[in-house]
Every structure is written in C-alpha cells, then in structure tokens.
Amino acid sequence: MEEKSEKFRPKAMGIFESVFDVCYLLFDLVAGILFLKNADGRLVFELYGALALVLGGGDAFHLVPRIKVNLFGKSEKSDFWLGLGKAITSETMTVFYLILFMIWTQMFPAYLASTKVVFVLFACAFVRMVLCLFPQNNWFHPEGSLRWSLYRNIPFTVVGAIMMVLFYQTGMTHMTWAILLSFGCYLPVTMLANKIPPIGALMMPKTLAYVWMIAMGLKLL
C-alpha cells in the first residue's frame, strides 16, 4: 500500500510574513487611492499616488508568489513566478526613485539639482533597468547570479545616494534616513541571502522603510 505524501503545513514565520506582506500591499493600494482622490490637481500628490501604486504594484509580482509558497508550498512553477517577480520588482523599484526625484522637484522648486546630477541620476537608472533585462541575471534560478546582482545594484546604489543627498540638502532628513534604511537592508539581502538565508529577514525593515516614505507623503495631505 502506497504511503500518502505528507500534507504541506505552513510555518508560523511563513504565516506571519504573509500577513505582513498582505498588509503592506493593501497599505500601498489605499495610500495610492488617497493621494489621487485628494490631489485636487496638485501634481506633487498625483506623483505620490503614482509612487505608491508603482511600489505596491511592482512588489505584488514578487510578494504574491511568495505568499503562495509560504501558505501552500512550492510548485513546479514557483521558481519561475518568484524569479519573474524579482525581475519586475527590480525595474519598478528603479522607477520608484525616478518618481521620488520628480516629487522632490515639486516640493523644493527653489532648489534645482545641477544638470550633471540629473544626468547621472537618470543615466544610472537607465543602466540599472537595462542590466536587469539580461538573462545572465539568472532570475528563474533560486541562486540567481551574485556577479550580476553586483552589476545591477552599483548604479542603483548611486541613484539612492543622489536621492539621499538631495533630500538632506533640502532639510527633509527623515526621507534621507528612510532611503538609507531601505538600501542598508536591501543590499545585504540581494547579495548574501542565498548563502545566508536568515539575512532575508532584513526585507521586513526594508519594506517598513518604504512604508515610512509613503507615510511622509500622507502626512502632507
């Protein structure tokens, strides 16, 4: 008589992470709607609405498959969907910071970033987005590619550093700290989590840093 395969049972940490992710995605959706509903033609809040929806929409491509794995176990297609989600999220995270730059220009019109700074910002964002498209990233394999993770994250880090400096110079230091926290948690995960899985837990404070950024905009409504 054949033995029945053991039924998958979600772990407590997996359930907690899934609830956390759902709350995060709902927060982004509600925040985006609130921004757009209350913008009243004010471009800065229309941009904040786009920021929240791009953030949540992009992250959903990775988090929804991850929630499914945590609650129901892996399937034959899990690695594909998780990899595709990572690839899409890598692109939308870059767009997120470009929108954040446009928000900065609206919030601080008296402070104009130099042409060189703007060029470097958009050039690095473009390079990052192109690098994410290369198959050498090995998105659909759980181990990915450490070398290509380094390649694509160097220009991305430059983008983040520029945004930190711009917000710091204009006195919005809380945004600077939030960006620093997001990168400080994201980079170790993307570089080391495959070899040291517990480092993956840093994605939660990284996510909270993005929630903080959106909450700063909500406070201005």
C-alpha atoms as a PDB file:
ATOM      1  CA  MET A   1       0.000   0.000   0.000  1.00  0.00           C
ATOM      2  CA  GLU A   2       1.440   3.373  -1.056  1.00  0.00           C
ATOM      3  CA  GLU A   3       2.111   5.967   1.609  1.00  0.00           C
ATOM      4  CA  LYS A   4       0.298   9.258   1.250  1.00  0.00           C
ATOM      5  CA  SER A   5       2.511  12.282   0.701  1.00  0.00           C
ATOM      6  CA  GLU A   6       2.732  14.490   3.749  1.00  0.00           C
ATOM      7  CA  LYS A   7       0.415  17.475   3.513  1.00  0.00           C
ATOM      8  CA  PHE A   8       2.152  20.846   3.472  1.00  0.00           C
ATOM      9  CA  ARG A   9       1.800  22.775   6.701  1.00  0.00           C
ATOM     10  CA  PRO A  10       2.753  26.449   6.685  1.00  0.00           C
ATOM     11  CA  LYS A  11       5.258  27.516   9.300  1.00  0.00           C
ATOM     12  CA  ALA A  12       4.434  30.224  11.800  1.00  0.00           C
ATOM     13  CA  MET A  13       7.075  32.539  10.334  1.00  0.00           C
ATOM     14  CA  GLY A  14       5.673  31.975   6.847  1.00  0.00           C
ATOM     15  CA  ILE A  15       2.173  32.873   8.038  1.00  0.00           C
ATOM     16  CA  PHE A  16       3.456  35.996   9.796  1.00  0.00           C
ATOM     17  CA  GLU A  17       5.406  37.066   6.710  1.00  0.00           C
ATOM     18  CA  SER A  18       2.359  36.508   4.502  1.00  0.00           C
ATOM     19  CA  VAL A  19       0.107  38.616   6.752  1.00  0.00           C
ATOM     20  CA  PHE A  20       2.790  41.307   6.824  1.00  0.00           C
ATOM     21  CA  ASP A  21       3.051  41.296   3.012  1.00  0.00           C
ATOM     22  CA  VAL A  22      -0.720  41.479   2.515  1.00  0.00           C
ATOM     23  CA  CYS A  23      -0.970  44.421   4.928  1.00  0.00           C
ATOM     24  CA  TYR A  24       1.880  46.156   3.118  1.00  0.00           C
ATOM     25  CA  LEU A  25       0.291  45.724  -0.317  1.00  0.00           C
ATOM     26  CA  LEU A  26      -3.078  46.935   0.976  1.00  0.00           C
ATOM     27  CA  PHE A  27      -1.377  49.957   2.539  1.00  0.00           C
ATOM     28  CA  ASP A  28       0.209  50.874  -0.799  1.00  0.00           C
ATOM     29  CA  LEU A  29      -3.104  50.477  -2.615  1.00  0.00           C
ATOM     30  CA  VAL A  30      -5.100  52.544  -0.104  1.00  0.00           C
ATOM     31  CA  ALA A  31      -2.372  55.210   0.068  1.00  0.00           C
ATOM     32  CA  GLY A  32      -2.278  55.478  -3.721  1.00  0.00           C
ATOM     33  CA  ILE A  33      -6.048  55.918  -3.879  1.00  0.00           C
ATOM     34  CA  LEU A  34      -5.998  58.533  -1.094  1.00  0.00           C
ATOM     35  CA  PHE A  35      -3.282  60.528  -2.835  1.00  0.00           C
ATOM     36  CA  LEU A  36      -5.098  60.549  -6.176  1.00  0.00           C
ATOM     37  CA  LYS A  37      -8.513  61.224  -4.632  1.00  0.00           C
ATOM     38  CA  ASN A  38      -7.269  64.192  -2.598  1.00  0.00           C
ATOM     39  CA  ALA A  39      -4.738  65.598  -5.048  1.00  0.00           C
ATOM     40  CA  ASP A  40      -7.133  68.310  -6.318  1.00  0.00           C
ATOM     41  CA  GLY A  41      -4.873  68.995  -9.269  1.00  0.00           C
ATOM     42  CA  ARG A  42      -1.721  69.241  -7.131  1.00  0.00           C
ATOM     43  CA  LEU A  43       0.992  67.488  -9.098  1.00  0.00           C
ATOM     44  CA  VAL A  44       3.046  66.530  -6.059  1.00  0.00           C
ATOM     45  CA  PHE A  45       0.211  64.366  -4.686  1.00  0.00           C
ATOM     46  CA  GLU A  46      -0.577  62.900  -8.098  1.00  0.00           C
ATOM     47  CA  LEU A  47       3.073  61.864  -8.211  1.00  0.00           C
ATOM     48  CA  TYR A  48       2.821  60.454  -4.677  1.00  0.00           C
ATOM     49  CA  GLY A  49      -0.189  58.440  -5.845  1.00  0.00           C
ATOM     50  CA  ALA A  50       1.818  57.066  -8.752  1.00  0.00           C
ATOM     51  CA  LEU A  51       4.696  56.377  -6.358  1.00  0.00           C
ATOM     52  CA  ALA A  52       2.536  54.284  -4.023  1.00  0.00           C
ATOM     53  CA  LEU A  53       0.855  52.349  -6.835  1.00  0.00           C
ATOM     54  CA  VAL A  54       4.120  51.639  -8.666  1.00  0.00           C
ATOM     55  CA  LEU A  55       5.662  50.467  -5.396  1.00  0.00           C
ATOM     56  CA  GLY A  56       2.784  48.185  -4.427  1.00  0.00           C
ATOM     57  CA  GLY A  57       2.040  47.014  -7.972  1.00  0.00           C
ATOM     58  CA  GLY A  58       5.649  46.103  -8.657  1.00  0.00           C
ATOM     59  CA  ASP A  59       6.197  44.378  -5.323  1.00  0.00           C
ATOM     60  CA  ALA A  60       2.987  42.388  -5.761  1.00  0.00           C
ATOM     61  CA  PHE A  61       4.574  40.469  -8.653  1.00  0.00           C
ATOM     62  CA  HIS A  62       7.108  39.066  -6.207  1.00  0.00           C
ATOM     63  CA  LEU A  63       5.157  39.008  -2.956  1.00  0.00           C
ATOM     64  CA  VAL A  64       2.025  37.238  -4.213  1.00  0.00           C
ATOM     65  CA  PRO A  65       4.003  34.171  -5.426  1.00  0.00           C
ATOM     66  CA  ARG A  66       5.983  34.284  -2.173  1.00  0.00           C
ATOM     67  CA  ILE A  67       2.776  34.335  -0.123  1.00  0.00           C
ATOM     68  CA  LYS A  68       1.539  31.354  -2.117  1.00  0.00           C
ATOM     69  CA  VAL A  69       4.744  29.414  -1.385  1.00  0.00           C
ATOM     70  CA  ASN A  70       4.621  30.288   2.313  1.00  0.00           C
ATOM     71  CA  LEU A  71       0.998  29.208   2.723  1.00  0.00           C
ATOM     72  CA  PHE A  72       0.634  26.342   0.240  1.00  0.00           C
ATOM     73  CA  GLY A  73       4.169  25.137  -0.508  1.00  0.00           C
ATOM     74  CA  LYS A  74       6.277  25.153  -3.645  1.00  0.00           C
ATOM     75  CA  SER A  75       5.003  24.000  -7.014  1.00  0.00           C
ATOM     76  CA  GLU A  76       6.760  23.297 -10.309  1.00  0.00           C
ATOM     77  CA  LYS A  77       6.206  26.894 -11.407  1.00  0.00           C
ATOM     78  CA  SER A  78       7.186  28.560  -8.124  1.00  0.00           C
ATOM     79  CA  ASP A  79      10.775  29.366  -9.121  1.00  0.00           C
ATOM     80  CA  PHE A  80       9.572  30.866 -12.406  1.00  0.00           C
ATOM     81  CA  TRP A  81       6.992  33.149 -10.808  1.00  0.00           C
ATOM     82  CA  LEU A  82       9.311  34.163  -7.965  1.00  0.00           C
ATOM     83  CA  GLY A  83      12.071  34.927 -10.460  1.00  0.00           C
ATOM     84  CA  LEU A  84       9.768  36.875 -12.744  1.00  0.00           C
ATOM     85  CA  GLY A  85       8.525  38.809  -9.724  1.00  0.00           C
ATOM     86  CA  LYS A  86      12.082  39.688  -8.693  1.00  0.00           C
ATOM     87  CA  ALA A  87      12.859  40.899 -12.209  1.00  0.00           C
ATOM     88  CA  ILE A  88       9.751  43.088 -12.387  1.00  0.00           C
ATOM     89  CA  THR A  89      10.279  44.443  -8.877  1.00  0.00           C
ATOM     90  CA  SER A  90      13.862  45.372  -9.754  1.00  0.00           C
ATOM     91  CA  GLU A  91      12.534  47.523 -12.605  1.00  0.00           C
ATOM     92  CA  THR A  92       9.695  49.129 -10.624  1.00  0.00           C
ATOM     93  CA  MET A  93      11.998  49.933  -7.689  1.00  0.00           C
ATOM     94  CA  THR A  94      14.108  51.961 -10.101  1.00  0.00           C
ATOM     95  CA  VAL A  95      11.035  53.758 -11.442  1.00  0.00           C
ATOM     96  CA  PHE A  96      10.047  54.423  -7.818  1.00  0.00           C
ATOM     97  CA  TYR A  97      13.160  56.530  -7.263  1.00  0.00           C
ATOM     98  CA  LEU A  98      12.708  58.440 -10.513  1.00  0.00           C
ATOM     99  CA  ILE A  99       9.180  59.378  -9.404  1.00  0.00           C
ATOM    100  CA  LEU A 100      10.579  60.283  -5.979  1.00  0.00           C
ATOM    101  CA  PHE A 101      13.010  62.637  -7.724  1.00  0.00           C
ATOM    102  CA  MET A 102      10.117  64.304  -9.544  1.00  0.00           C
ATOM    103  CA  ILE A 103       8.356  64.680  -6.181  1.00  0.00           C
ATOM    104  CA  TRP A 104      11.489  66.349  -4.820  1.00  0.00           C
ATOM    105  CA  THR A 105      11.482  68.853  -7.699  1.00  0.00           C
ATOM    106  CA  GLN A 106       7.848  69.712  -6.903  1.00  0.00           C
ATOM    107  CA  MET A 107       8.389  70.020  -3.163  1.00  0.00           C
ATOM    108  CA  PHE A 108      11.511  72.143  -3.426  1.00  0.00           C
ATOM    109  CA  PRO A 109      11.238  74.229  -6.617  1.00  0.00           C
ATOM    110  CA  ALA A 110      13.752  76.752  -5.254  1.00  0.00           C
ATOM    111  CA  TYR A 111      16.443  74.051  -5.167  1.00  0.00           C
ATOM    112  CA  LEU A 112      17.422  72.981  -8.637  1.00  0.00           C
ATOM    113  CA  ALA A 113      19.682  69.965  -8.957  1.00  0.00           C
ATOM    114  CA  SER A 114      22.613  70.546 -11.282  1.00  0.00           C
ATOM    115  CA  THR A 115      22.391  69.251 -14.828  1.00  0.00           C
ATOM    116  CA  LYS A 116      25.244  66.839 -14.107  1.00  0.00           C
ATOM    117  CA  VAL A 117      23.439  65.367 -11.075  1.00  0.00           C
ATOM    118  CA  VAL A 118      20.218  64.896 -13.044  1.00  0.00           C
ATOM    119  CA  PHE A 119      22.142  63.282 -15.913  1.00  0.00           C
ATOM    120  CA  VAL A 120      23.941  60.867 -13.568  1.00  0.00           C
ATOM    121  CA  LEU A 121      20.666  60.023 -11.800  1.00  0.00           C
ATOM    122  CA  PHE A 122      18.767  59.158 -14.969  1.00  0.00           C
ATOM    123  CA  ALA A 123      21.770  57.523 -16.642  1.00  0.00           C
ATOM    124  CA  CYS A 124      22.319  55.205 -13.673  1.00  0.00           C
ATOM    125  CA  ALA A 125      18.605  54.392 -13.528  1.00  0.00           C
ATOM    126  CA  PHE A 126      18.622  53.566 -17.248  1.00  0.00           C
ATOM    127  CA  VAL A 127      21.745  51.382 -16.917  1.00  0.00           C
ATOM    128  CA  ARG A 128      20.205  49.572 -13.953  1.00  0.00           C
ATOM    129  CA  MET A 129      16.973  48.871 -15.856  1.00  0.00           C
ATOM    130  CA  VAL A 130      18.853  47.592 -18.900  1.00  0.00           C
ATOM    131  CA  LEU A 131      21.103  45.355 -16.806  1.00  0.00           C
ATOM    132  CA  CYS A 132      18.033  43.812 -15.171  1.00  0.00           C
ATOM    133  CA  LEU A 133      16.896  42.601 -18.603  1.00  0.00           C
ATOM    134  CA  PHE A 134      19.970  40.449 -19.262  1.00  0.00           C
ATOM    135  CA  PRO A 135      19.430  36.678 -18.977  1.00  0.00           C
ATOM    136  CA  GLN A 136      22.740  36.423 -17.109  1.00  0.00           C
ATOM    137  CA  ASN A 137      20.851  37.643 -14.026  1.00  0.00           C
ATOM    138  CA  ASN A 138      19.544  34.072 -13.855  1.00  0.00           C
ATOM    139  CA  TRP A 139      16.253  35.298 -12.397  1.00  0.00           C
ATOM    140  CA  PHE A 140      14.478  31.961 -12.702  1.00  0.00           C
ATOM    141  CA  HIS A 141      17.001  30.008 -10.662  1.00  0.00           C
ATOM    142  CA  PRO A 142      16.821  30.236  -6.858  1.00  0.00           C
ATOM    143  CA  GLU A 143      20.551  31.028  -6.599  1.00  0.00           C
ATOM    144  CA  GLY A 144      20.418  33.838  -9.170  1.00  0.00           C
ATOM    145  CA  SER A 145      23.771  35.398 -10.082  1.00  0.00           C
ATOM    146  CA  LEU A 146      25.898  37.119  -7.446  1.00  0.00           C
ATOM    147  CA  ARG A 147      28.045  38.812 -10.089  1.00  0.00           C
ATOM    148  CA  TRP A 148      25.080  40.275 -11.956  1.00  0.00           C
ATOM    149  CA  SER A 149      23.437  41.270  -8.698  1.00  0.00           C
ATOM    150  CA  LEU A 150      26.554  43.374  -8.090  1.00  0.00           C
ATOM    151  CA  TYR A 151      26.466  44.808 -11.615  1.00  0.00           C
ATOM    152  CA  ARG A 152      22.842  45.935 -11.463  1.00  0.00           C
ATOM    153  CA  ASN A 153      22.999  47.243  -7.901  1.00  0.00           C
ATOM    154  CA  ILE A 154      26.018  49.522  -8.337  1.00  0.00           C
ATOM    155  CA  PRO A 155      24.106  52.067 -10.492  1.00  0.00           C
ATOM    156  CA  PHE A 156      21.017  51.575  -8.322  1.00  0.00           C
ATOM    157  CA  THR A 157      23.007  52.481  -5.215  1.00  0.00           C
ATOM    158  CA  VAL A 158      24.238  55.630  -6.970  1.00  0.00           C
ATOM    159  CA  VAL A 159      20.591  56.570  -7.617  1.00  0.00           C
ATOM    160  CA  GLY A 160      19.772  56.059  -3.946  1.00  0.00           C
ATOM    161  CA  ALA A 161      22.820  58.050  -2.807  1.00  0.00           C
ATOM    162  CA  ILE A 162      21.857  61.003  -5.019  1.00  0.00           C
ATOM    163  CA  MET A 163      18.321  60.996  -3.611  1.00  0.00           C
ATOM    164  CA  MET A 164      19.648  60.895  -0.046  1.00  0.00           C
ATOM    165  CA  VAL A 165      21.867  63.912  -0.692  1.00  0.00           C
ATOM    166  CA  LEU A 166      19.084  65.899  -2.387  1.00  0.00           C
ATOM    167  CA  PHE A 167      16.615  65.375   0.459  1.00  0.00           C
ATOM    168  CA  TYR A 168      19.314  66.049   3.059  1.00  0.00           C
ATOM    169  CA  GLN A 169      20.276  69.328   1.408  1.00  0.00           C
ATOM    170  CA  THR A 170      16.668  70.495   1.449  1.00  0.00           C
ATOM    171  CA  GLY A 171      16.174  69.633   5.112  1.00  0.00           C
ATOM    172  CA  MET A 172      13.941  66.577   4.681  1.00  0.00           C
ATOM    173  CA  THR A 173      16.280  64.387   6.701  1.00  0.00           C
ATOM    174  CA  HIS A 174      13.625  61.805   7.588  1.00  0.00           C
ATOM    175  CA  MET A 175      13.398  60.868   3.906  1.00  0.00           C
ATOM    176  CA  THR A 176      17.182  60.593   3.785  1.00  0.00           C
ATOM    177  CA  TRP A 177      17.150  58.156   6.714  1.00  0.00           C
ATOM    178  CA  ALA A 178      14.315  56.145   5.178  1.00  0.00           C
ATOM    179  CA  ILE A 179      16.218  55.753   1.894  1.00  0.00           C
ATOM    180  CA  LEU A 180      19.391  54.829   3.784  1.00  0.00           C
ATOM    181  CA  LEU A 181      17.469  52.218   5.792  1.00  0.00           C
ATOM    182  CA  SER A 182      15.920  50.735   2.653  1.00  0.00           C
ATOM    183  CA  PHE A 183      19.295  50.345   0.923  1.00  0.00           C
ATOM    184  CA  GLY A 184      21.013  49.233   4.114  1.00  0.00           C
ATOM    185  CA  CYS A 185      18.567  46.328   4.362  1.00  0.00           C
ATOM    186  CA  TYR A 186      18.128  45.613   0.641  1.00  0.00           C
ATOM    187  CA  LEU A 187      21.771  45.295  -0.414  1.00  0.00           C
ATOM    188  CA  PRO A 188      22.775  42.588   2.119  1.00  0.00           C
ATOM    189  CA  VAL A 189      19.694  40.569   1.165  1.00  0.00           C
ATOM    190  CA  THR A 190      20.254  40.730  -2.581  1.00  0.00           C
ATOM    191  CA  MET A 191      23.968  39.938  -2.204  1.00  0.00           C
ATOM    192  CA  LEU A 192      24.037  37.384   0.626  1.00  0.00           C
ATOM    193  CA  ALA A 193      20.589  35.913   1.331  1.00  0.00           C
ATOM    194  CA  ASN A 194      21.087  32.893  -0.953  1.00  0.00           C
ATOM    195  CA  LYS A 195      24.135  31.819   1.076  1.00  0.00           C
ATOM    196  CA  ILE A 196      22.966  33.092   4.468  1.00  0.00           C
ATOM    197  CA  PRO A 197      19.130  32.700   4.468  1.00  0.00           C
ATOM    198  CA  PRO A 198      18.489  34.452   7.847  1.00  0.00           C
ATOM    199  CA  ILE A 199      19.651  37.705   6.231  1.00  0.00           C
ATOM    200  CA  GLY A 200      16.421  37.577   4.218  1.00  0.00           C
ATOM    201  CA  ALA A 201      14.621  38.814   7.346  1.00  0.00           C
ATOM    202  CA  LEU A 202      16.027  42.273   6.559  1.00  0.00           C
ATOM    203  CA  MET A 203      13.380  42.583   3.850  1.00  0.00           C
ATOM    204  CA  MET A 204      10.831  43.419   6.551  1.00  0.00           C
ATOM    205  CA  PRO A 205      12.593  46.569   7.841  1.00  0.00           C
ATOM    206  CA  LYS A 206      13.358  47.412   4.203  1.00  0.00           C
ATOM    207  CA  THR A 207       9.627  47.226   3.481  1.00  0.00           C
ATOM    208  CA  LEU A 208       8.858  49.365   6.533  1.00  0.00           C
ATOM    209  CA  ALA A 209      11.290  51.974   5.202  1.00  0.00           C
ATOM    210  CA  TYR A 210       9.167  52.235   2.044  1.00  0.00           C
ATOM    211  CA  VAL A 211       6.024  52.470   4.162  1.00  0.00           C
ATOM    212  CA  TRP A 212       7.721  55.324   6.018  1.00  0.00           C
ATOM    213  CA  MET A 213       8.424  57.142   2.735  1.00  0.00           C
ATOM    214  CA  ILE A 214       4.776  56.872   1.673  1.00  0.00           C
ATOM    215  CA  ALA A 215       3.574  57.875   5.153  1.00  0.00           C
ATOM    216  CA  MET A 216       5.592  61.102   4.900  1.00  0.00           C
ATOM    217  CA  GLY A 217       3.550  61.980   1.838  1.00  0.00           C
ATOM    218  CA  LEU A 218       0.275  61.092   3.546  1.00  0.00           C
ATOM    219  CA  LYS A 219       1.193  63.432   6.374  1.00  0.00           C
ATOM    220  CA  LEU A 220       1.290  66.319   3.870  1.00  0.00           C
ATOM    221  CA  LEU A 221      -2.273  65.740   2.613  1.00  0.00           C
END
